[in-house]
Amino acid sequence: MSDPIPNIVSALDMMLEDNSIPRNVRASIQKARTRLTKSDDKEVALSGAVYALEEISNDINIPMHARTMVWNIISELEGMKQ
């Protein structure tokens, strides 16, 4: 099975380019992306990314399409942790 992290990083990149997403939310998305790409320990990277995304998943300012993407990414990351 191929590594889904590049696909997740690609989805995060798309969200970072979306100007309808507030700047503070994009900052947390960037934090999650950095944790996935810079950490040598996969478990730490996954946990850090999930934490950063969960922080924004219930933000009232996040558009619904972005919230759905965040939830999907969190689900994928949680599935990889098991």
PDB file of N, CA and C in Angstrom:
ATOM      1  N   MET A   1       0.846  -1.184   0.000  1.00  0.00           N
ATOM      2  CA  MET A   1       0.000   0.000   0.000  1.00  0.00           C
ATOM      3  C   MET A   1       0.888   1.243   0.000  1.00  0.00           C
ATOM      4  N   SER A   2       0.555   2.220  -0.825  1.00  0.00           N
ATOM      5  CA  SER A   2       1.387   3.415  -0.923  1.00  0.00           C
ATOM      6  C   SER A   2       1.154   4.345   0.270  1.00  0.00           C
ATOM      7  N   ASP A   3       2.117   5.191   0.512  1.00  0.00           N
ATOM      8  CA  ASP A   3       2.071   6.127   1.624  1.00  0.00           C
ATOM      9  C   ASP A   3       1.092   7.262   1.294  1.00  0.00           C
ATOM     10  N   PRO A   4       0.055   7.459   2.115  1.00  0.00           N
ATOM     11  CA  PRO A   4      -0.932   8.504   1.827  1.00  0.00           C
ATOM     12  C   PRO A   4      -0.478   9.915   2.230  1.00  0.00           C
ATOM     13  N   ILE A   5       0.662  10.035   2.899  1.00  0.00           N
ATOM     14  CA  ILE A   5       1.094  11.352   3.375  1.00  0.00           C
ATOM     15  C   ILE A   5       1.275  12.352   2.232  1.00  0.00           C
ATOM     16  N   PRO A   6       1.886  11.982   1.090  1.00  0.00           N
ATOM     17  CA  PRO A   6       1.981  12.974  -0.001  1.00  0.00           C
ATOM     18  C   PRO A   6       0.618  13.500  -0.465  1.00  0.00           C
ATOM     19  N   ASN A   7      -0.395  12.630  -0.482  1.00  0.00           N
ATOM     20  CA  ASN A   7      -1.743  13.071  -0.867  1.00  0.00           C
ATOM     21  C   ASN A   7      -2.322  14.022   0.170  1.00  0.00           C
ATOM     22  N   ILE A   8      -2.064  13.741   1.440  1.00  0.00           N
ATOM     23  CA  ILE A   8      -2.547  14.601   2.515  1.00  0.00           C
ATOM     24  C   ILE A   8      -1.856  15.959   2.443  1.00  0.00           C
ATOM     25  N   VAL A   9      -0.552  15.943   2.223  1.00  0.00           N
ATOM     26  CA  VAL A   9       0.208  17.195   2.100  1.00  0.00           C
ATOM     27  C   VAL A   9      -0.319  18.002   0.914  1.00  0.00           C
ATOM     28  N   SER A  10      -0.640  17.328  -0.177  1.00  0.00           N
ATOM     29  CA  SER A  10      -1.190  18.001  -1.348  1.00  0.00           C
ATOM     30  C   SER A  10      -2.536  18.663  -1.015  1.00  0.00           C
ATOM     31  N   ALA A  11      -3.382  17.965  -0.273  1.00  0.00           N
ATOM     32  CA  ALA A  11      -4.677  18.531   0.135  1.00  0.00           C
ATOM     33  C   ALA A  11      -4.467  19.736   1.051  1.00  0.00           C
ATOM     34  N   LEU A  12      -3.499  19.636   1.949  1.00  0.00           N
ATOM     35  CA  LEU A  12      -3.197  20.767   2.835  1.00  0.00           C
ATOM     36  C   LEU A  12      -2.693  21.956   2.020  1.00  0.00           C
ATOM     37  N   ASP A  13      -1.874  21.691   1.004  1.00  0.00           N
ATOM     38  CA  ASP A  13      -1.377  22.758   0.134  1.00  0.00           C
ATOM     39  C   ASP A  13      -2.522  23.472  -0.583  1.00  0.00           C
ATOM     40  N   MET A  14      -3.501  22.709  -1.053  1.00  0.00           N
ATOM     41  CA  MET A  14      -4.670  23.306  -1.708  1.00  0.00           C
ATOM     42  C   MET A  14      -5.405  24.222  -0.749  1.00  0.00           C
ATOM     43  N   MET A  15      -5.533  23.784   0.492  1.00  0.00           N
ATOM     44  CA  MET A  15      -6.226  24.596   1.489  1.00  0.00           C
ATOM     45  C   MET A  15      -5.431  25.863   1.809  1.00  0.00           C
ATOM     46  N   LEU A  16      -4.119  25.766   1.806  1.00  0.00           N
ATOM     47  CA  LEU A  16      -3.281  26.933   2.080  1.00  0.00           C
ATOM     48  C   LEU A  16      -3.422  27.995   0.988  1.00  0.00           C
ATOM     49  N   GLU A  17      -3.732  27.573  -0.228  1.00  0.00           N
ATOM     50  CA  GLU A  17      -3.889  28.502  -1.346  1.00  0.00           C
ATOM     51  C   GLU A  17      -5.299  29.078  -1.452  1.00  0.00           C
ATOM     52  N   ASP A  18      -6.216  28.571  -0.647  1.00  0.00           N
ATOM     53  CA  ASP A  18      -7.622  28.993  -0.684  1.00  0.00           C
ATOM     54  C   ASP A  18      -7.800  30.264   0.153  1.00  0.00           C
ATOM     55  N   ASN A  19      -8.041  31.376  -0.525  1.00  0.00           N
ATOM     56  CA  ASN A  19      -8.182  32.656   0.175  1.00  0.00           C
ATOM     57  C   ASN A  19      -9.503  32.809   0.921  1.00  0.00           C
ATOM     58  N   SER A  20     -10.432  31.873   0.746  1.00  0.00           N
ATOM     59  CA  SER A  20     -11.680  31.940   1.499  1.00  0.00           C
ATOM     60  C   SER A  20     -11.490  31.410   2.925  1.00  0.00           C
ATOM     61  N   ILE A  21     -10.351  30.772   3.166  1.00  0.00           N
ATOM     62  CA  ILE A  21     -10.033  30.253   4.499  1.00  0.00           C
ATOM     63  C   ILE A  21      -9.289  31.352   5.260  1.00  0.00           C
ATOM     64  N   PRO A  22      -9.753  31.674   6.469  1.00  0.00           N
ATOM     65  CA  PRO A  22      -9.109  32.744   7.247  1.00  0.00           C
ATOM     66  C   PRO A  22      -7.627  32.467   7.512  1.00  0.00           C
ATOM     67  N   ARG A  23      -6.879  33.543   7.660  1.00  0.00           N
ATOM     68  CA  ARG A  23      -5.432  33.468   7.835  1.00  0.00           C
ATOM     69  C   ARG A  23      -5.035  32.638   9.056  1.00  0.00           C
ATOM     70  N   ASN A  24      -5.755  32.796  10.174  1.00  0.00           N
ATOM     71  CA  ASN A  24      -5.401  32.036  11.383  1.00  0.00           C
ATOM     72  C   ASN A  24      -5.625  30.532  11.184  1.00  0.00           C
ATOM     73  N   VAL A  25      -6.616  30.183  10.415  1.00  0.00           N
ATOM     74  CA  VAL A  25      -6.886  28.774  10.116  1.00  0.00           C
ATOM     75  C   VAL A  25      -5.791  28.232   9.197  1.00  0.00           C
ATOM     76  N   ARG A  26      -5.401  29.025   8.209  1.00  0.00           N
ATOM     77  CA  ARG A  26      -4.316  28.609   7.312  1.00  0.00           C
ATOM     78  C   ARG A  26      -3.004  28.440   8.075  1.00  0.00           C
ATOM     79  N   ALA A  27      -2.809  29.241   9.130  1.00  0.00           N
ATOM     80  CA  ALA A  27      -1.589  29.101   9.945  1.00  0.00           C
ATOM     81  C   ALA A  27      -1.564  27.732  10.625  1.00  0.00           C
ATOM     82  N   SER A  28      -2.703  27.269  11.121  1.00  0.00           N
ATOM     83  CA  SER A  28      -2.769  25.943  11.741  1.00  0.00           C
ATOM     84  C   SER A  28      -2.610  24.841  10.706  1.00  0.00           C
ATOM     85  N   ILE A  29      -3.137  25.060   9.513  1.00  0.00           N
ATOM     86  CA  ILE A  29      -2.962  24.092   8.425  1.00  0.00           C
ATOM     87  C   ILE A  29      -1.477  23.992   8.074  1.00  0.00           C
ATOM     88  N   GLN A  30      -0.804  25.123   8.030  1.00  0.00           N
ATOM     89  CA  GLN A  30       0.636  25.139   7.742  1.00  0.00           C
ATOM     90  C   GLN A  30       1.403  24.395   8.833  1.00  0.00           C
ATOM     91  N   LYS A  31       0.976  24.573  10.078  1.00  0.00           N
ATOM     92  CA  LYS A  31       1.615  23.876  11.204  1.00  0.00           C
ATOM     93  C   LYS A  31       1.477  22.361  11.038  1.00  0.00           C
ATOM     94  N   ALA A  32       0.283  21.908  10.653  1.00  0.00           N
ATOM     95  CA  ALA A  32       0.051  20.479  10.441  1.00  0.00           C
ATOM     96  C   ALA A  32       0.913  19.969   9.287  1.00  0.00           C
ATOM     97  N   ARG A  33       0.996  20.747   8.217  1.00  0.00           N
ATOM     98  CA  ARG A  33       1.802  20.352   7.052  1.00  0.00           C
ATOM     99  C   ARG A  33       3.274  20.229   7.444  1.00  0.00           C
ATOM    100  N   THR A  34       3.752  21.181   8.199  1.00  0.00           N
ATOM    101  CA  THR A  34       5.153  21.163   8.628  1.00  0.00           C
ATOM    102  C   THR A  34       5.439  19.941   9.494  1.00  0.00           C
ATOM    103  N   ARG A  35       4.523  19.629  10.392  1.00  0.00           N
ATOM    104  CA  ARG A  35       4.727  18.458  11.255  1.00  0.00           C
ATOM    105  C   ARG A  35       4.781  17.178  10.442  1.00  0.00           C
ATOM    106  N   LEU A  36       3.966  17.082   9.408  1.00  0.00           N
ATOM    107  CA  LEU A  36       3.966  15.877   8.568  1.00  0.00           C
ATOM    108  C   LEU A  36       5.228  15.754   7.732  1.00  0.00           C
ATOM    109  N   THR A  37       5.776  16.873   7.304  1.00  0.00           N
ATOM    110  CA  THR A  37       6.909  16.815   6.378  1.00  0.00           C
ATOM    111  C   THR A  37       8.264  16.908   7.056  1.00  0.00           C
ATOM    112  N   LYS A  38       8.338  17.445   8.256  1.00  0.00           N
ATOM    113  CA  LYS A  38       9.642  17.690   8.881  1.00  0.00           C
ATOM    114  C   LYS A  38      10.020  16.700   9.971  1.00  0.00           C
ATOM    115  N   SER A  39       9.058  15.993  10.531  1.00  0.00           N
ATOM    116  CA  SER A  39       9.351  15.097  11.651  1.00  0.00           C
ATOM    117  C   SER A  39       9.887  13.752  11.158  1.00  0.00           C
ATOM    118  N   ASP A  40      10.921  13.255  11.850  1.00  0.00           N
ATOM    119  CA  ASP A  40      11.484  11.944  11.506  1.00  0.00           C
ATOM    120  C   ASP A  40      10.667  10.800  12.102  1.00  0.00           C
ATOM    121  N   ASP A  41      10.002  11.062  13.213  1.00  0.00           N
ATOM    122  CA  ASP A  41       9.193  10.050  13.893  1.00  0.00           C
ATOM    123  C   ASP A  41       7.760  10.126  13.369  1.00  0.00           C
ATOM    124  N   LYS A  42       7.320   9.070  12.686  1.00  0.00           N
ATOM    125  CA  LYS A  42       6.005   9.074  12.042  1.00  0.00           C
ATOM    126  C   LYS A  42       4.871   9.268  13.047  1.00  0.00           C
ATOM    127  N   GLU A  43       4.945   8.606  14.191  1.00  0.00           N
ATOM    128  CA  GLU A  43       3.882   8.732  15.196  1.00  0.00           C
ATOM    129  C   GLU A  43       3.773  10.161  15.718  1.00  0.00           C
ATOM    130  N   VAL A  44       4.923  10.779  15.961  1.00  0.00           N
ATOM    131  CA  VAL A  44       4.939  12.168  16.439  1.00  0.00           C
ATOM    132  C   VAL A  44       4.368  13.092  15.361  1.00  0.00           C
ATOM    133  N   ALA A  45       4.752  12.846  14.118  1.00  0.00           N
ATOM    134  CA  ALA A  45       4.266  13.660  13.008  1.00  0.00           C
ATOM    135  C   ALA A  45       2.748  13.557  12.877  1.00  0.00           C
ATOM    136  N   LEU A  46       2.226  12.339  12.931  1.00  0.00           N
ATOM    137  CA  LEU A  46       0.784  12.130  12.803  1.00  0.00           C
ATOM    138  C   LEU A  46       0.030  12.778  13.954  1.00  0.00           C
ATOM    139  N   SER A  47       0.510  12.562  15.171  1.00  0.00           N
ATOM    140  CA  SER A  47      -0.157  13.131  16.346  1.00  0.00           C
ATOM    141  C   SER A  47      -0.125  14.653  16.319  1.00  0.00           C
ATOM    142  N   GLY A  48       1.013  15.223  15.951  1.00  0.00           N
ATOM    143  CA  GLY A  48       1.133  16.676  15.877  1.00  0.00           C
ATOM    144  C   GLY A  48       0.218  17.282  14.830  1.00  0.00           C
ATOM    145  N   ALA A  49       0.120  16.628  13.683  1.00  0.00           N
ATOM    146  CA  ALA A  49      -0.753  17.116  12.610  1.00  0.00           C
ATOM    147  C   ALA A  49      -2.216  17.026  13.023  1.00  0.00           C
ATOM    148  N   VAL A  50      -2.595  15.912  13.639  1.00  0.00           N
ATOM    149  CA  VAL A  50      -3.983  15.752  14.093  1.00  0.00           C
ATOM    150  C   VAL A  50      -4.316  16.828  15.120  1.00  0.00           C
ATOM    151  N   TYR A  51      -3.405  17.067  16.043  1.00  0.00           N
ATOM    152  CA  TYR A  51      -3.639  18.075  17.075  1.00  0.00           C
ATOM    153  C   TYR A  51      -3.847  19.462  16.445  1.00  0.00           C
ATOM    154  N   ALA A  52      -2.993  19.824  15.499  1.00  0.00           N
ATOM    155  CA  ALA A  52      -3.099  21.137  14.847  1.00  0.00           C
ATOM    156  C   ALA A  52      -4.418  21.265  14.083  1.00  0.00           C
ATOM    157  N   LEU A  53      -4.850  20.194  13.439  1.00  0.00           N
ATOM    158  CA  LEU A  53      -6.091  20.244  12.663  1.00  0.00           C
ATOM    159  C   LEU A  53      -7.326  20.205  13.556  1.00  0.00           C
ATOM    160  N   GLU A  54      -7.264  19.449  14.648  1.00  0.00           N
ATOM    161  CA  GLU A  54      -8.406  19.415  15.566  1.00  0.00           C
ATOM    162  C   GLU A  54      -8.645  20.779  16.196  1.00  0.00           C
ATOM    163  N   GLU A  55      -7.559  21.528  16.370  1.00  0.00           N
ATOM    164  CA  GLU A  55      -7.645  22.875  16.917  1.00  0.00           C
ATOM    165  C   GLU A  55      -8.571  23.760  16.095  1.00  0.00           C
ATOM    166  N   ILE A  56      -8.551  23.585  14.782  1.00  0.00           N
ATOM    167  CA  ILE A  56      -9.333  24.449  13.896  1.00  0.00           C
ATOM    168  C   ILE A  56     -10.623  23.816  13.394  1.00  0.00           C
ATOM    169  N   SER A  57     -10.831  22.538  13.639  1.00  0.00           N
ATOM    170  CA  SER A  57     -11.977  21.846  13.035  1.00  0.00           C
ATOM    171  C   SER A  57     -13.322  22.413  13.482  1.00  0.00           C
ATOM    172  N   ASN A  58     -13.367  23.041  14.631  1.00  0.00           N
ATOM    173  CA  ASN A  58     -14.625  23.617  15.112  1.00  0.00           C
ATOM    174  C   ASN A  58     -14.602  25.139  15.145  1.00  0.00           C
ATOM    175  N   ASP A  59     -13.614  25.727  14.484  1.00  0.00           N
ATOM    176  CA  ASP A  59     -13.530  27.186  14.396  1.00  0.00           C
ATOM    177  C   ASP A  59     -14.749  27.702  13.638  1.00  0.00           C
ATOM    178  N   ILE A  60     -15.434  28.700  14.196  1.00  0.00           N
ATOM    179  CA  ILE A  60     -16.660  29.196  13.550  1.00  0.00           C
ATOM    180  C   ILE A  60     -16.390  29.944  12.254  1.00  0.00           C
ATOM    181  N   ASN A  61     -15.147  30.357  12.048  1.00  0.00           N
ATOM    182  CA  ASN A  61     -14.808  31.126  10.846  1.00  0.00           C
ATOM    183  C   ASN A  61     -14.404  30.271   9.653  1.00  0.00           C
ATOM    184  N   ILE A  62     -14.240  28.972   9.854  1.00  0.00           N
ATOM    185  CA  ILE A  62     -13.788  28.116   8.759  1.00  0.00           C
ATOM    186  C   ILE A  62     -14.973  27.790   7.836  1.00  0.00           C
ATOM    187  N   PRO A  63     -14.799  27.962   6.524  1.00  0.00           N
ATOM    188  CA  PRO A  63     -15.884  27.630   5.588  1.00  0.00           C
ATOM    189  C   PRO A  63     -16.203  26.128   5.632  1.00  0.00           C
ATOM    190  N   MET A  64     -17.430  25.787   5.329  1.00  0.00           N
ATOM    191  CA  MET A  64     -17.876  24.395   5.432  1.00  0.00           C
ATOM    192  C   MET A  64     -17.054  23.456   4.548  1.00  0.00           C
ATOM    193  N   HIS A  65     -16.685  23.888   3.340  1.00  0.00           N
ATOM    194  CA  HIS A  65     -15.906  22.994   2.472  1.00  0.00           C
ATOM    195  C   HIS A  65     -14.541  22.700   3.095  1.00  0.00           C
ATOM    196  N   ALA A  66     -13.955  23.681   3.746  1.00  0.00           N
ATOM    197  CA  ALA A  66     -12.653  23.474   4.384  1.00  0.00           C
ATOM    198  C   ALA A  66     -12.797  22.604   5.632  1.00  0.00           C
ATOM    199  N   ARG A  67     -13.874  22.806   6.375  1.00  0.00           N
ATOM    200  CA  ARG A  67     -14.123  21.992   7.575  1.00  0.00           C
ATOM    201  C   ARG A  67     -14.252  20.517   7.196  1.00  0.00           C
ATOM    202  N   THR A  68     -14.957  20.251   6.105  1.00  0.00           N
ATOM    203  CA  THR A  68     -15.125  18.880   5.630  1.00  0.00           C
ATOM    204  C   THR A  68     -13.777  18.277   5.251  1.00  0.00           C
ATOM    205  N   MET A  69     -12.940  19.058   4.564  1.00  0.00           N
ATOM    206  CA  MET A  69     -11.610  18.568   4.193  1.00  0.00           C
ATOM    207  C   MET A  69     -10.769  18.281   5.431  1.00  0.00           C
ATOM    208  N   VAL A  70     -10.852  19.172   6.424  1.00  0.00           N
ATOM    209  CA  VAL A  70     -10.092  18.977   7.661  1.00  0.00           C
ATOM    210  C   VAL A  70     -10.542  17.692   8.346  1.00  0.00           C
ATOM    211  N   TRP A  71     -11.840  17.469   8.432  1.00  0.00           N
ATOM    212  CA  TRP A  71     -12.349  16.239   9.064  1.00  0.00           C
ATOM    213  C   TRP A  71     -11.877  15.000   8.307  1.00  0.00           C
ATOM    214  N   ASN A  72     -11.901  15.058   6.982  1.00  0.00           N
ATOM    215  CA  ASN A  72     -11.445  13.918   6.173  1.00  0.00           C
ATOM    216  C   ASN A  72      -9.959  13.643   6.401  1.00  0.00           C
ATOM    217  N   ILE A  73      -9.166  14.695   6.462  1.00  0.00           N
ATOM    218  CA  ILE A  73      -7.727  14.535   6.676  1.00  0.00           C
ATOM    219  C   ILE A  73      -7.461  13.973   8.068  1.00  0.00           C
ATOM    220  N   ILE A  74      -8.178  14.474   9.066  1.00  0.00           N
ATOM    221  CA  ILE A  74      -8.021  13.952  10.432  1.00  0.00           C
ATOM    222  C   ILE A  74      -8.345  12.463  10.452  1.00  0.00           C
ATOM    223  N   SER A  75      -9.413  12.065   9.782  1.00  0.00           N
ATOM    224  CA  SER A  75      -9.800  10.641   9.723  1.00  0.00           C
ATOM    225  C   SER A  75      -8.702   9.799   9.106  1.00  0.00           C
ATOM    226  N   GLU A  76      -8.126  10.285   8.010  1.00  0.00           N
ATOM    227  CA  GLU A  76      -7.039   9.549   7.354  1.00  0.00           C
ATOM    228  C   GLU A  76      -5.830   9.421   8.270  1.00  0.00           C
ATOM    229  N   LEU A  77      -5.476  10.525   8.927  1.00  0.00           N
ATOM    230  CA  LEU A  77      -4.318  10.507   9.810  1.00  0.00           C
ATOM    231  C   LEU A  77      -4.549   9.577  11.006  1.00  0.00           C
ATOM    232  N   GLU A  78      -5.743   9.604  11.573  1.00  0.00           N
ATOM    233  CA  GLU A  78      -6.075   8.716  12.692  1.00  0.00           C
ATOM    234  C   GLU A  78      -5.991   7.251  12.249  1.00  0.00           C
ATOM    235  N   GLY A  79      -6.434   6.972  11.043  1.00  0.00           N
ATOM    236  CA  GLY A  79      -6.359   5.609  10.512  1.00  0.00           C
ATOM    237  C   GLY A  79      -4.934   5.137  10.328  1.00  0.00           C
ATOM    238  N   MET A  80      -4.036   6.057  10.019  1.00  0.00           N
ATOM    239  CA  MET A  80      -2.629   5.700   9.848  1.00  0.00           C
ATOM    240  C   MET A  80      -1.943   5.422  11.180  1.00  0.00           C
ATOM    241  N   LYS A  81      -2.465   5.984  12.247  1.00  0.00           N
ATOM    242  CA  LYS A  81      -1.842   5.811  13.557  1.00  0.00           C
ATOM    243  C   LYS A  81      -2.052   4.404  14.093  1.00  0.00           C
ATOM    244  N   GLN A  82      -3.075   3.724  13.615  1.00  0.00           N
ATOM    245  CA  GLN A  82      -3.417   2.408  14.169  1.00  0.00           C
ATOM    246  C   GLN A  82      -2.603   1.300  13.579  1.00  0.00           C
TER     247      GLN A  82
END
